[in-house]
Amino acid sequence: MEEKDNLGLYIANRRKFMGLTQEEMAEKVGVSKSAIAKWETNRGLPDRDNLKSLSEVINVSVDDLHRLIEKPNQLEEDFQVNITGDVISTLESYGYKVIRPGK
C-alpha cells in the first residue's frame, strides 16, 4: 500500500502546485472529481489511459509515475526540487509565501 501512498501524495502535491482544484484537474484529465479524490487518498490507481492523461496534465512522464508505483522511495530521491534564491525572491515579489528550507 505504501506505493499508492506516495503516488497519491505526489498527485495531490502537483495539483496544488499547479493551483488546481480536484474538480479542475478532473476536467483536464477527463475523469470525475471522485476519481481524483480516490487517487489522492490512496483508494485506487489510475488505469493506463488515465495515467497517460494525468501525466500530460501534471507535466510528468508516465515513466516517472510508474517509478512512484514500483519504488515508493523514489518520491523523496528523484522528485526533490532545488530552487535558487533568485527564484524564491521572484515568487515572493509576486506575493507568494515561500517556506525556505531549514526554516
PDB file of N, CA and C in Angstrom:
ATOM      1  N   MET A   1       0.822  -1.196   0.000  1.00  0.00           N
ATOM      2  CA  MET A   1       0.000   0.000   0.000  1.00  0.00           C
ATOM      3  C   MET A   1       0.865   1.260   0.000  1.00  0.00           C
ATOM      4  N   GLU A   2       2.088   1.159   0.438  1.00  0.00           N
ATOM      5  CA  GLU A   2       2.965   2.327   0.527  1.00  0.00           C
ATOM      6  C   GLU A   2       3.155   2.987  -0.830  1.00  0.00           C
ATOM      7  N   GLU A   3       3.232   2.174  -1.913  1.00  0.00           N
ATOM      8  CA  GLU A   3       3.447   2.772  -3.216  1.00  0.00           C
ATOM      9  C   GLU A   3       2.292   3.677  -3.620  1.00  0.00           C
ATOM     10  N   LYS A   4       1.068   3.299  -3.287  1.00  0.00           N
ATOM     11  CA  LYS A   4      -0.060   4.154  -3.606  1.00  0.00           C
ATOM     12  C   LYS A   4      -0.040   5.405  -2.738  1.00  0.00           C
ATOM     13  N   ASP A   5       0.442   5.257  -1.498  1.00  0.00           N
ATOM     14  CA  ASP A   5       0.542   6.429  -0.629  1.00  0.00           C
ATOM     15  C   ASP A   5       1.395   7.495  -1.290  1.00  0.00           C
ATOM     16  N   ASN A   6       2.547   7.112  -1.804  1.00  0.00           N
ATOM     17  CA  ASN A   6       3.433   8.095  -2.418  1.00  0.00           C
ATOM     18  C   ASN A   6       2.863   8.637  -3.722  1.00  0.00           C
ATOM     19  N   LEU A   7       2.244   7.811  -4.520  1.00  0.00           N
ATOM     20  CA  LEU A   7       1.651   8.299  -5.761  1.00  0.00           C
ATOM     21  C   LEU A   7       0.519   9.270  -5.444  1.00  0.00           C
ATOM     22  N   GLY A   8      -0.330   8.925  -4.510  1.00  0.00           N
ATOM     23  CA  GLY A   8      -1.436   9.809  -4.135  1.00  0.00           C
ATOM     24  C   GLY A   8      -0.943  11.144  -3.624  1.00  0.00           C
ATOM     25  N   LEU A   9       0.058  11.105  -2.785  1.00  0.00           N
ATOM     26  CA  LEU A   9       0.643  12.331  -2.251  1.00  0.00           C
ATOM     27  C   LEU A   9       1.250  13.161  -3.376  1.00  0.00           C
ATOM     28  N   TYR A  10       1.926  12.506  -4.285  1.00  0.00           N
ATOM     29  CA  TYR A  10       2.548  13.220  -5.398  1.00  0.00           C
ATOM     30  C   TYR A  10       1.492  13.888  -6.281  1.00  0.00           C
ATOM     31  N   ILE A  11       0.420  13.159  -6.591  1.00  0.00           N
ATOM     32  CA  ILE A  11      -0.653  13.723  -7.417  1.00  0.00           C
ATOM     33  C   ILE A  11      -1.256  14.940  -6.720  1.00  0.00           C
ATOM     34  N   ALA A  12      -1.540  14.807  -5.444  1.00  0.00           N
ATOM     35  CA  ALA A  12      -2.136  15.918  -4.687  1.00  0.00           C
ATOM     36  C   ALA A  12      -1.202  17.125  -4.662  1.00  0.00           C
ATOM     37  N   ASN A  13       0.078  16.886  -4.420  1.00  0.00           N
ATOM     38  CA  ASN A  13       1.039  17.988  -4.365  1.00  0.00           C
ATOM     39  C   ASN A  13       1.179  18.680  -5.711  1.00  0.00           C
ATOM     40  N   ARG A  14       1.227  17.914  -6.796  1.00  0.00           N
ATOM     41  CA  ARG A  14       1.342  18.521  -8.131  1.00  0.00           C
ATOM     42  C   ARG A  14       0.090  19.339  -8.447  1.00  0.00           C
ATOM     43  N   ARG A  15      -1.073  18.803  -8.111  1.00  0.00           N
ATOM     44  CA  ARG A  15      -2.326  19.524  -8.371  1.00  0.00           C
ATOM     45  C   ARG A  15      -2.336  20.855  -7.626  1.00  0.00           C
ATOM     46  N   LYS A  16      -1.954  20.812  -6.358  1.00  0.00           N
ATOM     47  CA  LYS A  16      -1.946  22.038  -5.551  1.00  0.00           C
ATOM     48  C   LYS A  16      -0.895  23.013  -6.058  1.00  0.00           C
ATOM     49  N   PHE A  17       0.260  22.502  -6.454  1.00  0.00           N
ATOM     50  CA  PHE A  17       1.326  23.342  -7.002  1.00  0.00           C
ATOM     51  C   PHE A  17       0.839  24.077  -8.247  1.00  0.00           C
ATOM     52  N   MET A  18       0.022  23.390  -9.041  1.00  0.00           N
ATOM     53  CA  MET A  18      -0.498  23.981 -10.269  1.00  0.00           C
ATOM     54  C   MET A  18      -1.688  24.905  -9.998  1.00  0.00           C
ATOM     55  N   GLY A  19      -2.135  24.954  -8.745  1.00  0.00           N
ATOM     56  CA  GLY A  19      -3.251  25.821  -8.388  1.00  0.00           C
ATOM     57  C   GLY A  19      -4.594  25.322  -8.867  1.00  0.00           C
ATOM     58  N   LEU A  20      -4.726  24.006  -9.007  1.00  0.00           N
ATOM     59  CA  LEU A  20      -5.968  23.416  -9.493  1.00  0.00           C
ATOM     60  C   LEU A  20      -6.762  22.803  -8.347  1.00  0.00           C
ATOM     61  N   THR A  21      -8.075  22.874  -8.441  1.00  0.00           N
ATOM     62  CA  THR A  21      -8.934  22.128  -7.532  1.00  0.00           C
ATOM     63  C   THR A  21      -9.033  20.699  -8.065  1.00  0.00           C
ATOM     64  N   GLN A  22      -9.572  19.805  -7.253  1.00  0.00           N
ATOM     65  CA  GLN A  22      -9.772  18.439  -7.738  1.00  0.00           C
ATOM     66  C   GLN A  22     -10.714  18.448  -8.943  1.00  0.00           C
ATOM     67  N   GLU A  23     -11.715  19.296  -8.893  1.00  0.00           N
ATOM     68  CA  GLU A  23     -12.676  19.377  -9.989  1.00  0.00           C
ATOM     69  C   GLU A  23     -12.015  19.869 -11.282  1.00  0.00           C
ATOM     70  N   GLU A  24     -11.164  20.883 -11.171  1.00  0.00           N
ATOM     71  CA  GLU A  24     -10.474  21.400 -12.351  1.00  0.00           C
ATOM     72  C   GLU A  24      -9.525  20.359 -12.936  1.00  0.00           C
ATOM     73  N   MET A  25      -8.811  19.644 -12.057  1.00  0.00           N
ATOM     74  CA  MET A  25      -7.906  18.604 -12.554  1.00  0.00           C
ATOM     75  C   MET A  25      -8.709  17.486 -13.213  1.00  0.00           C
ATOM     76  N   ALA A  26      -9.817  17.117 -12.603  1.00  0.00           N
ATOM     77  CA  ALA A  26     -10.655  16.057 -13.163  1.00  0.00           C
ATOM     78  C   ALA A  26     -11.108  16.412 -14.575  1.00  0.00           C
ATOM     79  N   GLU A  27     -11.495  17.663 -14.760  1.00  0.00           N
ATOM     80  CA  GLU A  27     -11.936  18.111 -16.085  1.00  0.00           C
ATOM     81  C   GLU A  27     -10.809  18.000 -17.105  1.00  0.00           C
ATOM     82  N   LYS A  28      -9.601  18.406 -16.708  1.00  0.00           N
ATOM     83  CA  LYS A  28      -8.449  18.346 -17.616  1.00  0.00           C
ATOM     84  C   LYS A  28      -8.062  16.898 -17.947  1.00  0.00           C
ATOM     85  N   VAL A  29      -8.157  15.999 -16.956  1.00  0.00           N
ATOM     86  CA  VAL A  29      -7.774  14.594 -17.165  1.00  0.00           C
ATOM     87  C   VAL A  29      -8.883  13.838 -17.887  1.00  0.00           C
ATOM     88  N   GLY A  30     -10.124  14.297 -17.723  1.00  0.00           N
ATOM     89  CA  GLY A  30     -11.258  13.619 -18.350  1.00  0.00           C
ATOM     90  C   GLY A  30     -11.861  12.547 -17.476  1.00  0.00           C
ATOM     91  N   VAL A  31     -11.822  12.779 -16.163  1.00  0.00           N
ATOM     92  CA  VAL A  31     -12.402  11.836 -15.200  1.00  0.00           C
ATOM     93  C   VAL A  31     -13.276  12.633 -14.234  1.00  0.00           C
ATOM     94  N   SER A  32     -13.905  11.924 -13.304  1.00  0.00           N
ATOM     95  CA  SER A  32     -14.733  12.595 -12.304  1.00  0.00           C
ATOM     96  C   SER A  32     -13.868  13.139 -11.171  1.00  0.00           C
ATOM     97  N   LYS A  33     -14.416  14.095 -10.450  1.00  0.00           N
ATOM     98  CA  LYS A  33     -13.730  14.641  -9.278  1.00  0.00           C
ATOM     99  C   LYS A  33     -13.475  13.522  -8.260  1.00  0.00           C
ATOM    100  N   SER A  34     -14.416  12.584  -8.154  1.00  0.00           N
ATOM    101  CA  SER A  34     -14.242  11.486  -7.192  1.00  0.00           C
ATOM    102  C   SER A  34     -13.079  10.580  -7.584  1.00  0.00           C
ATOM    103  N   ALA A  35     -12.784  10.472  -8.878  1.00  0.00           N
ATOM    104  CA  ALA A  35     -11.617   9.675  -9.299  1.00  0.00           C
ATOM    105  C   ALA A  35     -10.332  10.330  -8.809  1.00  0.00           C
ATOM    106  N   ILE A  36     -10.226  11.655  -8.956  1.00  0.00           N
ATOM    107  CA  ILE A  36      -9.046  12.374  -8.467  1.00  0.00           C
ATOM    108  C   ILE A  36      -8.921  12.188  -6.958  1.00  0.00           C
ATOM    109  N   ALA A  37     -10.033  12.354  -6.250  1.00  0.00           N
ATOM    110  CA  ALA A  37     -10.019  12.188  -4.788  1.00  0.00           C
ATOM    111  C   ALA A  37      -9.594  10.770  -4.409  1.00  0.00           C
ATOM    112  N   LYS A  38     -10.062   9.792  -5.155  1.00  0.00           N
ATOM    113  CA  LYS A  38      -9.707   8.390  -4.889  1.00  0.00           C
ATOM    114  C   LYS A  38      -8.212   8.166  -5.071  1.00  0.00           C
ATOM    115  N   TRP A  39      -7.646   8.715  -6.131  1.00  0.00           N
ATOM    116  CA  TRP A  39      -6.207   8.553  -6.370  1.00  0.00           C
ATOM    117  C   TRP A  39      -5.400   9.255  -5.291  1.00  0.00           C
ATOM    118  N   GLU A  40      -5.827  10.461  -4.922  1.00  0.00           N
ATOM    119  CA  GLU A  40      -5.076  11.239  -3.937  1.00  0.00           C
ATOM    120  C   GLU A  40      -5.157  10.650  -2.528  1.00  0.00           C
ATOM    121  N   THR A  41      -6.221   9.931  -2.252  1.00  0.00           N
ATOM    122  CA  THR A  41      -6.391   9.346  -0.915  1.00  0.00           C
ATOM    123  C   THR A  41      -6.047   7.863  -0.892  1.00  0.00           C
ATOM    124  N   ASN A  42      -5.378   7.412  -1.944  1.00  0.00           N
ATOM    125  CA  ASN A  42      -4.814   6.060  -1.982  1.00  0.00           C
ATOM    126  C   ASN A  42      -5.860   4.949  -1.964  1.00  0.00           C
ATOM    127  N   ARG A  43      -7.020   5.234  -2.516  1.00  0.00           N
ATOM    128  CA  ARG A  43      -8.047   4.201  -2.598  1.00  0.00           C
ATOM    129  C   ARG A  43      -8.103   3.581  -3.981  1.00  0.00           C
ATOM    130  N   GLY A  44      -7.157   3.929  -4.838  1.00  0.00           N
ATOM    131  CA  GLY A  44      -7.104   3.355  -6.168  1.00  0.00           C
ATOM    132  C   GLY A  44      -5.997   3.984  -6.990  1.00  0.00           C
ATOM    133  N   LEU A  45      -5.705   3.341  -8.109  1.00  0.00           N
ATOM    134  CA  LEU A  45      -4.684   3.835  -9.042  1.00  0.00           C
ATOM    135  C   LEU A  45      -5.345   4.150 -10.375  1.00  0.00           C
ATOM    136  N   PRO A  46      -4.840   5.139 -11.077  1.00  0.00           N
ATOM    137  CA  PRO A  46      -5.371   5.419 -12.413  1.00  0.00           C
ATOM    138  C   PRO A  46      -5.077   4.247 -13.358  1.00  0.00           C
ATOM    139  N   ASP A  47      -6.017   3.950 -14.262  1.00  0.00           N
ATOM    140  CA  ASP A  47      -5.728   2.922 -15.262  1.00  0.00           C
ATOM    141  C   ASP A  47      -4.747   3.494 -16.282  1.00  0.00           C
ATOM    142  N   ARG A  48      -4.355   2.670 -17.230  1.00  0.00           N
ATOM    143  CA  ARG A  48      -3.316   3.063 -18.185  1.00  0.00           C
ATOM    144  C   ARG A  48      -3.656   4.349 -18.932  1.00  0.00           C
ATOM    145  N   ASP A  49      -4.869   4.445 -19.457  1.00  0.00           N
ATOM    146  CA  ASP A  49      -5.258   5.637 -20.212  1.00  0.00           C
ATOM    147  C   ASP A  49      -5.311   6.880 -19.329  1.00  0.00           C
ATOM    148  N   ASN A  50      -5.855   6.714 -18.130  1.00  0.00           N
ATOM    149  CA  ASN A  50      -5.936   7.850 -17.216  1.00  0.00           C
ATOM    150  C   ASN A  50      -4.554   8.262 -16.705  1.00  0.00           C
ATOM    151  N   LEU A  51      -3.668   7.293 -16.552  1.00  0.00           N
ATOM    152  CA  LEU A  51      -2.306   7.610 -16.120  1.00  0.00           C
ATOM    153  C   LEU A  51      -1.610   8.467 -17.177  1.00  0.00           C
ATOM    154  N   LYS A  52      -1.840   8.131 -18.445  1.00  0.00           N
ATOM    155  CA  LYS A  52      -1.254   8.922 -19.533  1.00  0.00           C
ATOM    156  C   LYS A  52      -1.829  10.334 -19.531  1.00  0.00           C
ATOM    157  N   SER A  53      -3.135  10.470 -19.421  1.00  0.00           N
ATOM    158  CA  SER A  53      -3.764  11.793 -19.382  1.00  0.00           C
ATOM    159  C   SER A  53      -3.287  12.593 -18.176  1.00  0.00           C
ATOM    160  N   LEU A  54      -3.214  11.924 -17.031  1.00  0.00           N
ATOM    161  CA  LEU A  54      -2.749  12.581 -15.805  1.00  0.00           C
ATOM    162  C   LEU A  54      -1.324  13.091 -15.987  1.00  0.00           C
ATOM    163  N   SER A  55      -0.467  12.254 -16.572  1.00  0.00           N
ATOM    164  CA  SER A  55       0.930  12.655 -16.760  1.00  0.00           C
ATOM    165  C   SER A  55       1.037  13.894 -17.636  1.00  0.00           C
ATOM    166  N   GLU A  56       0.187  13.982 -18.650  1.00  0.00           N
ATOM    167  CA  GLU A  56       0.199  15.153 -19.532  1.00  0.00           C
ATOM    168  C   GLU A  56      -0.273  16.402 -18.794  1.00  0.00           C
ATOM    169  N   VAL A  57      -1.289  16.250 -17.966  1.00  0.00           N
ATOM    170  CA  VAL A  57      -1.832  17.401 -17.241  1.00  0.00           C
ATOM    171  C   VAL A  57      -0.838  17.928 -16.210  1.00  0.00           C
ATOM    172  N   ILE A  58      -0.189  17.016 -15.480  1.00  0.00           N
ATOM    173  CA  ILE A  58       0.732  17.470 -14.431  1.00  0.00           C
ATOM    174  C   ILE A  58       2.166  17.594 -14.935  1.00  0.00           C
ATOM    175  N   ASN A  59       2.357  17.371 -16.242  1.00  0.00           N
ATOM    176  CA  ASN A  59       3.650  17.563 -16.897  1.00  0.00           C
ATOM    177  C   ASN A  59       4.758  16.707 -16.278  1.00  0.00           C
ATOM    178  N   VAL A  60       4.448  15.432 -16.113  1.00  0.00           N
ATOM    179  CA  VAL A  60       5.401  14.447 -15.596  1.00  0.00           C
ATOM    180  C   VAL A  60       5.282  13.227 -16.502  1.00  0.00           C
ATOM    181  N   SER A  61       6.380  12.563 -16.775  1.00  0.00           N
ATOM    182  CA  SER A  61       6.309  11.414 -17.670  1.00  0.00           C
ATOM    183  C   SER A  61       5.582  10.245 -17.016  1.00  0.00           C
ATOM    184  N   VAL A  62       4.991   9.420 -17.860  1.00  0.00           N
ATOM    185  CA  VAL A  62       4.346   8.200 -17.372  1.00  0.00           C
ATOM    186  C   VAL A  62       5.376   7.320 -16.676  1.00  0.00           C
ATOM    187  N   ASP A  63       6.595   7.299 -17.204  1.00  0.00           N
ATOM    188  CA  ASP A  63       7.660   6.508 -16.577  1.00  0.00           C
ATOM    189  C   ASP A  63       7.921   6.961 -15.147  1.00  0.00           C
ATOM    190  N   ASP A  64       7.935   8.279 -14.916  1.00  0.00           N
ATOM    191  CA  ASP A  64       8.147   8.780 -13.555  1.00  0.00           C
ATOM    192  C   ASP A  64       7.014   8.342 -12.633  1.00  0.00           C
ATOM    193  N   LEU A  65       5.777   8.384 -13.131  1.00  0.00           N
ATOM    194  CA  LEU A  65       4.646   7.947 -12.312  1.00  0.00           C
ATOM    195  C   LEU A  65       4.738   6.447 -12.033  1.00  0.00           C
ATOM    196  N   HIS A  66       5.160   5.674 -13.025  1.00  0.00           N
ATOM    197  CA  HIS A  66       5.337   4.230 -12.814  1.00  0.00           C
ATOM    198  C   HIS A  66       6.414   3.963 -11.763  1.00  0.00           C
ATOM    199  N   ARG A  67       7.478   4.761 -11.792  1.00  0.00           N
ATOM    200  CA  ARG A  67       8.529   4.597 -10.779  1.00  0.00           C
ATOM    201  C   ARG A  67       7.982   4.819  -9.378  1.00  0.00           C
ATOM    202  N   LEU A  68       7.086   5.773  -9.230  1.00  0.00           N
ATOM    203  CA  LEU A  68       6.472   6.013  -7.924  1.00  0.00           C
ATOM    204  C   LEU A  68       5.642   4.812  -7.475  1.00  0.00           C
ATOM    205  N   ILE A  69       4.998   4.167  -8.430  1.00  0.00           N
ATOM    206  CA  ILE A  69       4.189   2.999  -8.104  1.00  0.00           C
ATOM    207  C   ILE A  69       5.086   1.821  -7.742  1.00  0.00           C
ATOM    208  N   GLU A  70       6.157   1.622  -8.510  1.00  0.00           N
ATOM    209  CA  GLU A  70       7.027   0.469  -8.310  1.00  0.00           C
ATOM    210  C   GLU A  70       8.014   0.647  -7.165  1.00  0.00           C
ATOM    211  N   LYS A  71       8.530   1.849  -6.989  1.00  0.00           N
ATOM    212  CA  LYS A  71       9.533   2.119  -5.953  1.00  0.00           C
ATOM    213  C   LYS A  71       9.106   3.360  -5.184  1.00  0.00           C
ATOM    214  N   PRO A  72       8.366   3.168  -4.104  1.00  0.00           N
ATOM    215  CA  PRO A  72       7.804   4.319  -3.394  1.00  0.00           C
ATOM    216  C   PRO A  72       8.830   5.320  -2.887  1.00  0.00           C
ATOM    217  N   ASN A  73      10.049   4.916  -2.617  1.00  0.00           N
ATOM    218  CA  ASN A  73      11.049   5.847  -2.096  1.00  0.00           C
ATOM    219  C   ASN A  73      11.550   6.809  -3.161  1.00  0.00           C
ATOM    220  N   GLN A  74      11.192   6.572  -4.429  1.00  0.00           N
ATOM    221  CA  GLN A  74      11.594   7.471  -5.499  1.00  0.00           C
ATOM    222  C   GLN A  74      11.058   8.875  -5.271  1.00  0.00           C
ATOM    223  N   LEU A  75       9.940   9.001  -4.569  1.00  0.00           N
ATOM    224  CA  LEU A  75       9.359  10.313  -4.327  1.00  0.00           C
ATOM    225  C   LEU A  75      10.374  11.221  -3.660  1.00  0.00           C
ATOM    226  N   GLU A  76      11.014  10.724  -2.640  1.00  0.00           N
ATOM    227  CA  GLU A  76      11.986  11.532  -1.935  1.00  0.00           C
ATOM    228  C   GLU A  76      13.291  11.663  -2.715  1.00  0.00           C
ATOM    229  N   GLU A  77      13.710  10.611  -3.398  1.00  0.00           N
ATOM    230  CA  GLU A  77      15.007  10.597  -4.054  1.00  0.00           C
ATOM    231  C   GLU A  77      15.025  11.357  -5.373  1.00  0.00           C
ATOM    232  N   ASP A  78      14.005  11.195  -6.201  1.00  0.00           N
ATOM    233  CA  ASP A  78      14.046  11.732  -7.556  1.00  0.00           C
ATOM    234  C   ASP A  78      13.238  13.002  -7.768  1.00  0.00           C
ATOM    235  N   PHE A  79      12.354  13.348  -6.867  1.00  0.00           N
ATOM    236  CA  PHE A  79      11.443  14.441  -7.127  1.00  0.00           C
ATOM    237  C   PHE A  79      11.681  15.651  -6.237  1.00  0.00           C
ATOM    238  N   GLN A  80      12.878  15.757  -5.679  1.00  0.00           N
ATOM    239  CA  GLN A  80      13.185  16.945  -4.898  1.00  0.00           C
ATOM    240  C   GLN A  80      13.488  18.086  -5.859  1.00  0.00           C
ATOM    241  N   VAL A  81      13.075  19.266  -5.479  1.00  0.00           N
ATOM    242  CA  VAL A  81      13.276  20.433  -6.323  1.00  0.00           C
ATOM    243  C   VAL A  81      14.277  21.344  -5.644  1.00  0.00           C
ATOM    244  N   ASN A  82      15.244  21.806  -6.402  1.00  0.00           N
ATOM    245  CA  ASN A  82      16.234  22.736  -5.878  1.00  0.00           C
ATOM    246  C   ASN A  82      15.926  24.101  -6.478  1.00  0.00           C
ATOM    247  N   ILE A  83      15.408  25.001  -5.657  1.00  0.00           N
ATOM    248  CA  ILE A  83      15.037  26.327  -6.135  1.00  0.00           C
ATOM    249  C   ILE A  83      16.058  27.329  -5.621  1.00  0.00           C
ATOM    250  N   THR A  84      16.551  28.143  -6.528  1.00  0.00           N
ATOM    251  CA  THR A  84      17.568  29.135  -6.156  1.00  0.00           C
ATOM    252  C   THR A  84      16.941  30.305  -5.410  1.00  0.00           C
ATOM    253  N   GLY A  85      17.781  31.072  -4.744  1.00  0.00           N
ATOM    254  CA  GLY A  85      17.325  32.254  -4.032  1.00  0.00           C
ATOM    255  C   GLY A  85      16.659  33.262  -4.949  1.00  0.00           C
ATOM    256  N   ASP A  86      17.152  33.356  -6.193  1.00  0.00           N
ATOM    257  CA  ASP A  86      16.550  34.283  -7.159  1.00  0.00           C
ATOM    258  C   ASP A  86      15.106  33.897  -7.470  1.00  0.00           C
ATOM    259  N   VAL A  87      14.863  32.592  -7.617  1.00  0.00           N
ATOM    260  CA  VAL A  87      13.510  32.123  -7.904  1.00  0.00           C
ATOM    261  C   VAL A  87      12.600  32.411  -6.710  1.00  0.00           C
ATOM    262  N   ILE A  88      13.099  32.158  -5.507  1.00  0.00           N
ATOM    263  CA  ILE A  88      12.316  32.425  -4.301  1.00  0.00           C
ATOM    264  C   ILE A  88      11.983  33.910  -4.215  1.00  0.00           C
ATOM    265  N   SER A  89      12.969  34.757  -4.461  1.00  0.00           N
ATOM    266  CA  SER A  89      12.742  36.207  -4.422  1.00  0.00           C
ATOM    267  C   SER A  89      11.693  36.635  -5.444  1.00  0.00           C
ATOM    268  N   THR A  90      11.754  36.069  -6.623  1.00  0.00           N
ATOM    269  CA  THR A  90      10.779  36.393  -7.664  1.00  0.00           C
ATOM    270  C   THR A  90       9.379  35.965  -7.242  1.00  0.00           C
ATOM    271  N   LEU A  91       9.260  34.753  -6.716  1.00  0.00           N
ATOM    272  CA  LEU A  91       7.952  34.268  -6.248  1.00  0.00           C
ATOM    273  C   LEU A  91       7.402  35.173  -5.153  1.00  0.00           C
ATOM    274  N   GLU A  92       8.265  35.548  -4.219  1.00  0.00           N
ATOM    275  CA  GLU A  92       7.834  36.424  -3.129  1.00  0.00           C
ATOM    276  C   GLU A  92       7.422  37.797  -3.652  1.00  0.00           C
ATOM    277  N   SER A  93       8.094  38.284  -4.700  1.00  0.00           N
ATOM    278  CA  SER A  93       7.733  39.591  -5.262  1.00  0.00           C
ATOM    279  C   SER A  93       6.344  39.573  -5.893  1.00  0.00           C
ATOM    280  N   TYR A  94       5.874  38.374  -6.290  1.00  0.00           N
ATOM    281  CA  TYR A  94       4.531  38.222  -6.837  1.00  0.00           C
ATOM    282  C   TYR A  94       3.500  37.923  -5.754  1.00  0.00           C
ATOM    283  N   GLY A  95       3.938  37.952  -4.490  1.00  0.00           N
ATOM    284  CA  GLY A  95       3.002  37.763  -3.388  1.00  0.00           C
ATOM    285  C   GLY A  95       2.891  36.342  -2.875  1.00  0.00           C
ATOM    286  N   TYR A  96       3.684  35.413  -3.428  1.00  0.00           N
ATOM    287  CA  TYR A  96       3.660  34.045  -2.935  1.00  0.00           C
ATOM    288  C   TYR A  96       4.404  33.967  -1.609  1.00  0.00           C
ATOM    289  N   LYS A  97       3.895  33.152  -0.724  1.00  0.00           N
ATOM    290  CA  LYS A  97       4.584  32.909   0.539  1.00  0.00           C
ATOM    291  C   LYS A  97       5.410  31.634   0.344  1.00  0.00           C
ATOM    292  N   VAL A  98       6.724  31.760   0.477  1.00  0.00           N
ATOM    293  CA  VAL A  98       7.631  30.639   0.255  1.00  0.00           C
ATOM    294  C   VAL A  98       8.239  30.223   1.590  1.00  0.00           C
ATOM    295  N   ILE A  99       8.116  28.951   1.892  1.00  0.00           N
ATOM    296  CA  ILE A  99       8.759  28.420   3.100  1.00  0.00           C
ATOM    297  C   ILE A  99      10.156  27.974   2.704  1.00  0.00           C
ATOM    298  N   ARG A 100      11.125  28.658   3.202  1.00  0.00           N
ATOM    299  CA  ARG A 100      12.500  28.362   2.834  1.00  0.00           C
ATOM    300  C   ARG A 100      12.990  27.128   3.577  1.00  0.00           C
ATOM    301  N   PRO A 101      13.794  26.296   2.916  1.00  0.00           N
ATOM    302  CA  PRO A 101      14.318  25.091   3.572  1.00  0.00           C
ATOM    303  C   PRO A 101      15.071  25.444   4.850  1.00  0.00           C
ATOM    304  N   GLY A 102      14.874  24.624   5.865  1.00  0.00           N
ATOM    305  CA  GLY A 102      15.585  24.806   7.131  1.00  0.00           C
ATOM    306  C   GLY A 102      14.994  25.882   8.011  1.00  0.00           C
ATOM    307  N   LYS A 103      13.834  26.394   7.634  1.00  0.00           N
ATOM    308  CA  LYS A 103      13.200  27.450   8.450  1.00  0.00           C
ATOM    309  C   LYS A 103      11.858  27.018   8.923  1.00  0.00           C
TER     310      LYS A 103
END
